[in-house]
Protein backbone atom coordinates (compact mmCIF):
# COMPACT_ATOMS: atom_id res chain seq x y z
CA MET A 1 0.10 0.12 0.14
CA LYS A 2 1.46 3.30 -1.09
CA LYS A 3 1.62 6.34 1.34
CA ARG A 4 -1.78 8.25 1.14
CA ASP A 5 -1.50 12.01 0.24
CA ALA A 6 -4.17 13.78 1.89
CA ASN A 7 -4.62 16.55 -0.81
CA LYS A 8 -5.55 13.88 -3.22
CA LYS A 9 -8.84 11.56 -3.14
CA THR A 10 -8.34 8.10 -3.03
CA VAL A 11 -11.16 6.82 -5.84
CA ALA A 12 -11.69 3.47 -6.54
CA LEU A 13 -12.77 1.94 -9.68
CA PHE A 14 -14.45 -1.66 -9.29
CA SER A 15 -14.84 -3.39 -12.48
CA THR A 16 -16.67 -6.97 -13.51
CA LEU A 17 -13.56 -8.70 -13.69
CA SER A 18 -14.27 -9.47 -17.41
CA PHE A 19 -10.98 -8.23 -18.85
CA PRO A 20 -7.59 -7.38 -17.68
CA ILE A 21 -6.48 -3.19 -16.97
CA PRO A 22 -4.65 -2.20 -18.44
CA ALA A 23 -6.72 -3.24 -21.68
CA VAL A 24 -4.46 -5.55 -23.34
CA CYS A 25 -7.21 -7.82 -24.48
CA GLY A 26 -9.74 -5.15 -25.45
CA GLY A 27 -13.05 -4.27 -23.63
CA GLY A 28 -14.42 -1.00 -23.86
CA VAL A 29 -15.01 -0.43 -20.39
CA GLU A 30 -11.59 -1.60 -19.62
CA THR A 31 -10.06 0.93 -22.13
CA LEU A 32 -11.83 3.65 -20.77
CA ILE A 33 -10.51 2.76 -17.20
CA THR A 34 -7.14 2.56 -18.88
CA ASN A 35 -7.41 6.19 -20.13
CA LEU A 36 -8.07 7.15 -16.82
CA ILE A 37 -5.02 5.92 -15.16
CA ASP A 38 -2.93 6.79 -18.18
CA VAL A 39 -3.98 10.26 -17.82
CA ASN A 40 -3.51 10.45 -14.12
CA GLU A 41 0.08 9.52 -14.29
CA GLU A 42 0.85 12.63 -15.78
CA LEU A 43 -1.58 14.91 -14.14
CA ASN A 44 -1.70 13.06 -10.69
CA GLN A 45 -5.30 14.72 -9.35
CA VAL A 46 -5.99 11.34 -7.58
CA ARG A 47 -5.26 7.96 -6.35
CA PHE A 48 -7.05 5.26 -8.66
CA LEU A 49 -7.56 1.92 -7.16
CA VAL A 50 -8.57 -0.32 -9.75
CA SER A 51 -9.83 -4.01 -9.63
CA SER A 52 -8.83 -6.09 -12.74
CA LYS A 53 -8.90 -9.91 -13.82
CA TYR A 54 -5.38 -11.08 -13.71
CA ASN A 55 -3.33 -11.23 -16.81
CA LYS A 56 0.49 -11.58 -17.19
CA THR A 57 0.86 -9.06 -19.56
CA ALA A 58 -1.13 -6.42 -17.65
CA CYS A 59 0.63 -6.85 -14.62
CA LYS A 60 3.94 -5.84 -16.09
CA LYS A 61 2.70 -2.14 -16.43
CA ASN A 62 3.45 -0.29 -13.40
CA TYR A 63 1.59 2.96 -12.30
CA HIS A 64 2.97 5.47 -9.87
CA ASN A 65 -0.47 7.24 -9.05
CA SER A 66 -2.92 3.99 -9.28
CA ASP A 67 -2.89 0.60 -7.68
CA ILE A 68 -4.31 -2.20 -9.44
CA TYR A 69 -5.76 -5.20 -7.50
CA TYR A 70 -5.71 -8.49 -9.62
CA PHE A 71 -8.30 -11.23 -9.29
CA LYS A 72 -7.59 -14.45 -10.19
CA ASN A 73 -11.18 -16.93 -10.73
CA GLY A 74 -12.54 -14.24 -8.71
CA ILE A 75 -9.93 -14.55 -5.90
CA LEU A 76 -7.86 -11.14 -4.87
CA LEU A 77 -4.07 -12.52 -5.60
CA SER A 78 -2.46 -11.74 -2.38
CA PRO A 79 -2.13 -13.92 1.06
CA VAL A 80 -5.07 -11.94 2.37
CA GLY A 81 -7.08 -12.75 -0.79
CA LEU A 82 -6.56 -16.50 -0.06
CA PHE A 83 -7.68 -15.99 3.57
CA LEU A 84 -10.79 -14.24 2.48
CA TYR A 85 -11.37 -17.36 0.18
CA ILE A 86 -10.86 -19.81 2.88
CA ARG A 87 -13.39 -17.58 5.25
CA TRP A 88 -15.68 -17.22 2.54
CA ARG A 89 -15.89 -21.09 1.72
CA TYR A 90 -16.27 -21.94 5.35
CA TYR A 91 -19.14 -19.60 6.13
CA ARG A 92 -20.59 -20.92 2.59
CA LEU A 93 -20.44 -24.40 3.91
CA ARG A 94 -21.45 -24.00 7.35
CA PHE A 95 -24.56 -22.05 6.64
CA LYS A 96 -25.63 -23.30 2.92
CA LYS A 97 -28.99 -24.35 4.40
CA SER A 98 -29.63 -20.94 5.75
CA SER A 99 -31.01 -18.82 2.97
CA GLN A 100 -30.23 -15.65 4.92
CA ARG A 101 -26.36 -16.56 5.18
CA ASN A 102 -26.13 -18.62 1.86
CA THR A 103 -23.44 -16.68 -0.31
CA THR A 104 -22.49 -16.56 -3.82
CA PRO A 105 -19.31 -15.79 -5.67
CA MET A 106 -20.87 -12.29 -6.37
CA ASP A 107 -21.00 -12.12 -2.69
CA PHE A 108 -17.31 -13.12 -2.27
CA ILE A 109 -16.16 -10.40 -4.98
CA THR A 110 -18.09 -7.77 -2.82
CA TYR A 111 -16.38 -9.11 0.13
CA GLN A 112 -13.10 -8.61 -1.35
CA TYR A 113 -14.04 -5.18 -2.45
CA ARG A 114 -14.82 -3.94 0.89
CA TYR A 115 -11.33 -5.28 2.13
CA ILE A 116 -9.49 -3.17 -0.38
CA ALA A 117 -11.91 -0.06 0.34
CA LYS A 118 -11.58 -0.29 4.18
CA ARG A 119 -7.83 -1.02 4.07
CA GLU A 120 -6.87 1.85 1.69
CA LYS A 121 -9.46 4.31 3.05
CA VAL A 122 -11.31 4.95 -0.02
CA ASP A 123 -13.08 8.40 -0.44
CA VAL A 124 -15.30 7.42 -3.58
CA ILE A 125 -16.41 4.31 -5.10
CA VAL A 126 -17.28 3.84 -8.86
CA LEU A 127 -19.07 0.66 -9.87
CA GLU A 128 -18.02 0.00 -13.52
CA ASN A 129 -21.57 -1.42 -14.59
CA PRO A 130 -21.30 -4.55 -12.00
CA TYR A 131 -23.98 -7.01 -12.49
CA ARG A 132 -26.10 -7.65 -9.43
CA LEU A 133 -25.77 -4.51 -8.14
CA GLU A 134 -27.98 -5.31 -5.35
CA LYS A 135 -24.52 -7.25 -3.57
CA PHE A 136 -22.96 -3.55 -3.40
CA ALA A 137 -25.02 -1.88 -0.86
CA ALA A 138 -22.72 -3.35 1.63
CA LEU A 139 -20.10 -0.92 0.35
CA LYS A 140 -22.10 1.65 2.21
CA ASP A 141 -20.42 0.73 5.30
CA ILE A 142 -17.16 1.86 3.60
CA VAL A 143 -18.09 5.33 2.29
CA SER A 144 -21.17 7.60 2.47
CA GLU A 145 -23.91 6.97 0.14
CA GLU A 146 -23.37 10.12 -1.71
CA ASN A 147 -19.68 9.23 -2.57
CA ILE A 148 -20.98 5.83 -4.01
CA TYR A 149 -21.45 6.03 -8.24
CA TYR A 150 -22.68 3.33 -10.78
CA HIS A 151 -20.96 4.14 -14.05
CA LEU A 152 -23.69 3.34 -16.88
CA HIS A 153 -21.95 2.17 -20.10
CA TRP A 154 -25.52 0.73 -21.43
CA THR A 155 -29.04 0.44 -20.78
CA GLU A 156 -30.77 -2.65 -19.10
CA SER A 157 -32.53 -3.04 -22.50
CA GLY A 158 -28.66 -4.32 -23.84
CA THR A 159 -27.55 -7.71 -24.20
CA GLY A 160 -25.87 -9.21 -20.56
CA SER A 161 -26.92 -6.00 -18.67
CA GLY A 162 -29.20 -7.60 -16.30
CA ASN A 163 -32.59 -6.72 -14.64
CA ILE A 164 -33.92 -3.10 -14.17
CA ILE A 165 -31.87 -1.88 -11.12
CA ASP A 166 -33.09 -0.31 -7.97
CA ARG A 167 -31.29 2.94 -7.39
CA GLN A 168 -32.13 2.79 -3.86
CA VAL A 169 -29.38 0.54 -3.64
CA ILE A 170 -27.09 2.78 -5.40
CA PRO A 171 -28.54 6.22 -6.53
CA ASN A 172 -26.21 8.20 -8.01
CA SER A 173 -24.67 7.72 -11.96
CA ILE A 174 -22.57 8.46 -14.23
CA SER A 175 -23.59 7.97 -17.62
CA ILE A 176 -21.93 7.67 -21.05
CA SER A 177 -24.66 9.63 -22.88
CA GLU A 178 -27.89 11.49 -22.26
CA TYR A 179 -29.80 8.68 -23.59
CA VAL A 180 -28.39 6.39 -21.00
CA LYS A 181 -28.99 9.06 -18.52
CA ASN A 182 -32.31 9.80 -19.25
CA LYS A 183 -33.44 5.89 -19.47
CA TRP A 184 -31.79 5.37 -16.14
CA ILE A 185 -33.96 8.07 -14.53
CA LYS A 186 -37.23 6.91 -16.48
CA ASP A 187 -36.85 3.56 -15.41
CA ASN A 188 -35.63 4.27 -11.98
CA PRO A 189 -37.31 7.35 -10.54
CA GLN A 190 -35.66 7.69 -7.23
CA PHE A 191 -33.52 10.05 -5.78
CA GLY A 192 -29.90 10.70 -6.48
CA LYS A 193 -27.48 12.82 -8.59
CA ASN A 194 -26.99 11.92 -12.32
CA TYR A 195 -24.00 13.04 -14.55
CA VAL A 196 -22.77 12.57 -18.33
CA VAL A 197 -19.25 12.26 -19.03
CA TYR A 198 -18.75 11.38 -22.83
CA ASN A 199 -16.48 8.59 -23.69
CA CYS A 200 -12.99 9.08 -24.91
CA VAL A 201 -10.22 7.58 -27.14
CA ASP A 202 -6.64 7.99 -27.83
CA VAL A 203 -7.38 10.91 -30.37
CA GLU A 204 -3.69 11.15 -31.30
CA ARG A 205 -2.86 7.67 -31.71
CA PHE A 206 -5.99 7.19 -34.16
CA SER A 207 -5.33 10.58 -36.15
CA ALA A 208 -1.71 9.58 -36.92
CA ARG A 209 -1.00 8.94 -40.69
CA VAL A 210 -0.08 5.16 -41.67
CA LYS A 211 3.24 5.06 -43.31
CA ASN A 212 3.27 3.44 -46.58
CA ARG A 213 -0.48 3.28 -46.75
CA ASP A 214 -0.85 1.98 -50.24
CA GLU A 215 1.68 -0.88 -49.41
CA GLU A 216 -0.37 -2.09 -46.14
CA ARG A 217 -3.64 -2.08 -48.08
CA GLU A 218 -1.95 -4.27 -50.88
CA LYS A 219 -0.97 -6.65 -48.19
CA LEU A 220 -4.42 -7.06 -47.42
CA GLY A 221 -5.43 -7.75 -50.97
CA PHE A 222 -6.65 -4.13 -51.48
CA THR A 223 -6.08 -2.04 -54.38
CA LYS A 224 -5.16 1.85 -54.64
CA GLN A 225 -8.43 2.25 -56.18
CA ASP A 226 -10.52 0.24 -53.64
CA PHE A 227 -13.02 2.14 -51.64
CA VAL A 228 -12.44 0.08 -48.10
CA VAL A 229 -15.10 0.07 -45.90
CA LEU A 230 -14.13 -0.83 -42.05
CA PHE A 231 -16.42 -2.67 -39.17
CA CYS A 232 -14.83 -3.36 -36.04
CA GLY A 233 -16.77 -4.60 -33.08
CA ARG A 234 -17.91 -7.76 -31.51
CA PHE A 235 -19.90 -10.30 -33.72
CA MET A 236 -23.07 -10.32 -32.26
CA PRO A 237 -26.66 -9.58 -33.56
CA GLU A 238 -27.21 -6.37 -32.07
CA LYS A 239 -24.16 -4.75 -33.62
CA GLY A 240 -25.86 -5.45 -36.82
CA VAL A 241 -22.83 -6.76 -38.44
CA ASP A 242 -25.17 -9.41 -40.21
CA LYS A 243 -26.98 -6.76 -41.65
CA LEU A 244 -23.67 -5.06 -43.16
CA LEU A 245 -22.83 -8.41 -44.60
CA ASP A 246 -26.36 -8.17 -46.67
CA ALA A 247 -25.40 -5.11 -47.59
CA PHE A 248 -22.22 -6.17 -49.23
CA GLU A 249 -24.02 -8.99 -51.15
CA ILE A 250 -26.28 -6.25 -52.42
CA ILE A 251 -23.33 -4.15 -53.45
CA HIS A 252 -21.70 -7.16 -55.09
CA SER A 253 -24.95 -7.79 -56.80
CA LYS A 254 -24.41 -3.79 -58.34
CA LYS A 255 -21.54 -5.18 -59.70
CA GLU A 256 -19.39 -2.28 -57.57
CA GLY A 257 -16.31 -4.37 -57.61
CA ARG A 258 -13.95 -1.95 -56.20
CA ILE A 259 -15.95 -1.59 -52.88
CA LYS A 260 -14.63 -3.57 -50.13
CA LEU A 261 -15.57 -4.51 -46.46
CA LEU A 262 -12.35 -4.94 -44.01
CA LEU A 263 -14.15 -7.15 -41.07
CA ILE A 264 -12.64 -6.79 -37.61
CA GLY A 265 -13.84 -8.59 -34.33
CA SER A 266 -14.93 -11.46 -32.63
CA ALA A 267 -17.74 -12.73 -30.48
CA ASN A 268 -16.18 -11.13 -27.31
CA TYR A 269 -13.00 -9.21 -28.20
CA SER A 270 -10.03 -11.22 -27.12
CA SER A 271 -11.50 -14.47 -25.98
CA PRO A 272 -11.28 -17.35 -27.91
CA LYS A 273 -15.16 -18.44 -27.19
CA SER A 274 -17.32 -18.22 -30.24
CA THR A 275 -21.15 -18.13 -30.55
CA SER A 276 -23.30 -19.86 -33.24
CA PHE A 277 -24.08 -16.16 -34.32
CA SER A 278 -20.40 -15.18 -34.80
CA ASP A 279 -19.48 -18.56 -36.61
CA ASN A 280 -22.30 -17.53 -39.33
CA VAL A 281 -21.03 -14.16 -39.69
CA ILE A 282 -17.34 -15.64 -40.08
CA PHE A 283 -18.44 -18.51 -42.57
CA GLN A 284 -20.44 -15.78 -44.88
CA ALA A 285 -17.82 -13.45 -44.74
CA LYS A 286 -15.46 -16.10 -46.34
CA GLN A 287 -17.51 -16.84 -48.49
CA MET A 288 -17.80 -13.18 -50.17
CA ASP A 289 -15.12 -12.00 -52.58
CA ASN A 290 -15.73 -8.40 -51.51
CA VAL A 291 -14.82 -8.84 -47.51
CA VAL A 292 -11.42 -9.53 -45.95
CA TYR A 293 -11.84 -10.94 -42.54
CA LEU A 294 -9.29 -10.40 -40.04
CA GLY A 295 -10.93 -11.64 -36.80
CA TYR A 296 -9.70 -9.81 -33.31
CA ILE A 297 -6.86 -7.34 -33.38
CA PRO A 298 -5.21 -5.84 -30.57
CA ASN A 299 -5.76 -2.59 -29.20
CA GLU A 300 -2.29 -1.53 -29.69
CA ILE A 301 -2.39 -1.80 -33.42
CA ILE A 302 -6.08 -1.32 -34.15
CA HIS A 303 -5.36 2.41 -35.40
CA LEU A 304 -3.45 0.95 -38.17
CA TYR A 305 -6.43 -0.59 -39.79
CA TYR A 306 -8.60 2.53 -39.39
CA GLY A 307 -5.78 4.38 -41.18
CA ILE A 308 -5.79 2.42 -44.45
CA SER A 309 -9.66 2.28 -44.71
CA ASP A 310 -11.79 4.84 -46.44
CA ALA A 311 -14.70 4.77 -44.15
CA LEU A 312 -16.53 3.28 -40.90
CA SER A 313 -19.83 1.44 -40.41
CA VAL A 314 -21.51 1.11 -37.10
CA PRO A 315 -24.66 -0.61 -38.14
CA SER A 316 -26.19 -1.08 -34.96
CA VAL A 317 -29.82 -2.51 -34.61
CA TRP A 318 -30.02 -1.86 -30.73
CA GLU A 319 -29.75 1.37 -28.68
CA GLU A 320 -26.35 1.97 -28.24
CA GLY A 321 -25.21 3.46 -24.89
CA ALA A 322 -22.62 5.08 -27.01
CA GLY A 323 -19.55 2.99 -27.76
CA LEU A 324 -16.16 4.04 -29.01
CA VAL A 325 -15.82 2.94 -32.63
CA ALA A 326 -17.55 6.06 -33.90
CA ILE A 327 -15.08 8.24 -32.05
CA GLU A 328 -12.16 5.97 -33.17
CA GLY A 329 -13.44 6.47 -36.91
CA MET A 330 -13.89 10.25 -36.35
CA ALA A 331 -10.42 10.55 -35.01
CA ALA A 332 -8.96 8.60 -37.85
CA GLY A 333 -10.72 10.89 -40.56
CA LEU A 334 -13.11 8.59 -41.58
CA PRO A 335 -16.58 9.29 -42.70
CA LEU A 336 -19.18 7.27 -40.79
CA ILE A 337 -22.40 5.47 -41.72
CA ILE A 338 -23.87 4.66 -38.80
CA THR A 339 -27.85 3.84 -37.57
CA GLN A 340 -29.75 6.48 -35.42
CA SER A 341 -29.16 4.37 -32.33
CA GLY A 342 -29.29 5.33 -28.69
CA GLY A 343 -26.50 7.80 -27.66
CA MET A 344 -24.22 7.00 -30.16
CA VAL A 345 -26.24 9.87 -32.25
CA GLU A 346 -25.10 12.33 -29.42
CA TYR A 347 -21.16 11.92 -30.30
CA VAL A 348 -21.51 12.93 -34.11
CA THR A 349 -22.61 15.50 -36.40
CA ASP A 350 -24.52 15.73 -39.65
CA ASP A 351 -21.24 16.96 -41.29
CA CYS A 352 -19.18 13.78 -40.57
CA ALA A 353 -21.87 11.09 -40.45
CA VAL A 354 -24.75 9.45 -42.53
CA LYS A 355 -27.37 8.52 -39.97
CA LEU A 356 -29.87 5.57 -41.35
CA PRO A 357 -33.20 4.54 -39.47
CA ILE A 358 -33.16 1.19 -37.82
CA ASN A 359 -35.72 -0.89 -39.86
CA ASP A 360 -36.18 -3.87 -42.16
CA GLU A 361 -34.64 -1.99 -45.06
CA LEU A 362 -31.37 -1.27 -43.19
CA PRO A 363 -29.14 -3.63 -45.51
CA LYS A 364 -30.66 -1.55 -48.44
CA SER A 365 -30.01 1.66 -46.98
CA LEU A 366 -26.28 0.75 -45.79
CA ALA A 367 -25.55 -0.47 -49.32
CA ASN A 368 -26.75 2.80 -50.87
CA ALA A 369 -24.97 5.17 -48.85
CA ILE A 370 -21.78 3.34 -48.91
CA VAL A 371 -22.08 3.27 -52.98
CA ASP A 372 -23.24 7.13 -52.79
CA LEU A 373 -20.23 8.07 -50.57
CA SER A 374 -17.37 5.84 -52.54
CA LYS A 375 -18.85 7.70 -55.85
CA ASN A 376 -18.18 11.40 -54.16
CA PRO A 377 -14.44 11.74 -53.14
CA GLU A 378 -15.23 15.30 -52.22
CA ARG A 379 -17.70 14.78 -49.92
CA LYS A 380 -15.86 11.85 -48.29
CA ASN A 381 -12.98 14.12 -47.55
CA GLU A 382 -15.33 17.02 -46.11
CA MET A 383 -17.01 14.45 -43.80
CA GLY A 384 -13.21 13.12 -42.68
CA LYS A 385 -12.28 16.65 -41.98
CA ALA A 386 -15.30 17.33 -40.22
CA GLY A 387 -14.87 13.90 -38.06
CA ARG A 388 -11.46 14.78 -36.91
CA LYS A 389 -12.58 18.51 -35.61
CA ARG A 390 -15.36 16.61 -33.51
CA ALA A 391 -13.06 14.11 -32.19
CA GLU A 392 -11.19 16.57 -30.17
CA ARG A 393 -14.34 16.74 -27.90
CA PHE A 394 -13.56 13.26 -26.71
CA THR A 395 -9.90 13.11 -26.00
CA LYS A 396 -8.55 10.96 -22.96
CA LYS A 397 -7.40 14.53 -20.97
CA ASN A 398 -11.11 15.94 -21.50
CA TYR A 399 -12.20 12.56 -20.32
CA TYR A 400 -10.43 12.44 -17.26
CA LYS A 401 -11.11 16.25 -16.44
CA ASP A 402 -14.69 15.72 -16.79
CA PHE A 403 -14.66 12.88 -14.60
CA LEU A 404 -12.62 14.30 -11.77
CA LYS A 405 -15.00 17.13 -11.95
CA ILE A 406 -17.82 14.93 -10.48
CA ILE A 407 -15.38 13.12 -7.99
CA TYR A 408 -14.35 16.77 -6.51
CA ASP A 409 -16.90 19.33 -7.81
CA LYS A 410 -20.43 17.49 -7.71
CA LYS A 411 -21.84 19.92 -10.00
């Protein structure tokens, strides 16, 4: 435990332990947390305590102004973590017949979080979209209710977000868009403070020009004349990747041979696990002459593929909380072809994005928008310039400052 600076607040960022931090295996939430602690190394305004899934590569990164607690199989990697696990198992076995004392793995993780918060004398706790939020009510024993925030990265209508959560458990929220904030307030009309902090990306990295761009495109089978549309994301029905593939079937039928799709992603970031949906997407992509499928690409080099593309499509068919991909595309100077989805539309402007309605005609609409943009290079360039300018709103430093404004000012 590092010596505490009385002039700086200690802020605990408790994750779902889905992926490691720093975000060496991807993950939107993990990337945002990584951005916070990276900027804090330079500005040093707070001390962050972060919970993370264990990863050998992630552990090699050393932070001076933050401490990361690694968990392996839900157990804190320390002698104390082993002690807590033994005690948890003891109580679980002893009281397993009692509904009041029976515990679950989430109880155990919360128990360890309470240990960290107590030991470190935490001032503020931010729960990064945990499942079964009611288990975290016990954290009120550590800090006052007004200093616990639920960081909303999506709404309960999304996949994997669980049931509607009672705000009486954790009343305060930080949302990634006005859409998410308003949905939260509507579904949970209780007390509490509600803020919006827009997501961020490493704008400088994504805006950098790719050296030998034509040569890099050629390695993937693209020519200098090809119009390359990028999709980068998870292969799940909500993301609309199947609609985009259908759009490229239409484009092929129109004999627009120079329009190609660069397909990057997987079922769940770096995880090797697949789903029947992702398997079908990959199978379809491999059968198509105008699609190049690359699979998952690590965060540290993903910007290179934005740099060799001509446009970005984000064809989500559910209400996105916001996402990071659209910001990355704007930072890279790519014109966007997106859907009118949730909070994503708050991040873009009409000058840099074509926004399509979500309906049964989406594949046809995508195909028409892509073909039209490919035939109008002047419009493409103007949209790209507007996107770069818009992306400056979503830098890592702006995100850090907006986040800390809530922690310190509470306005």
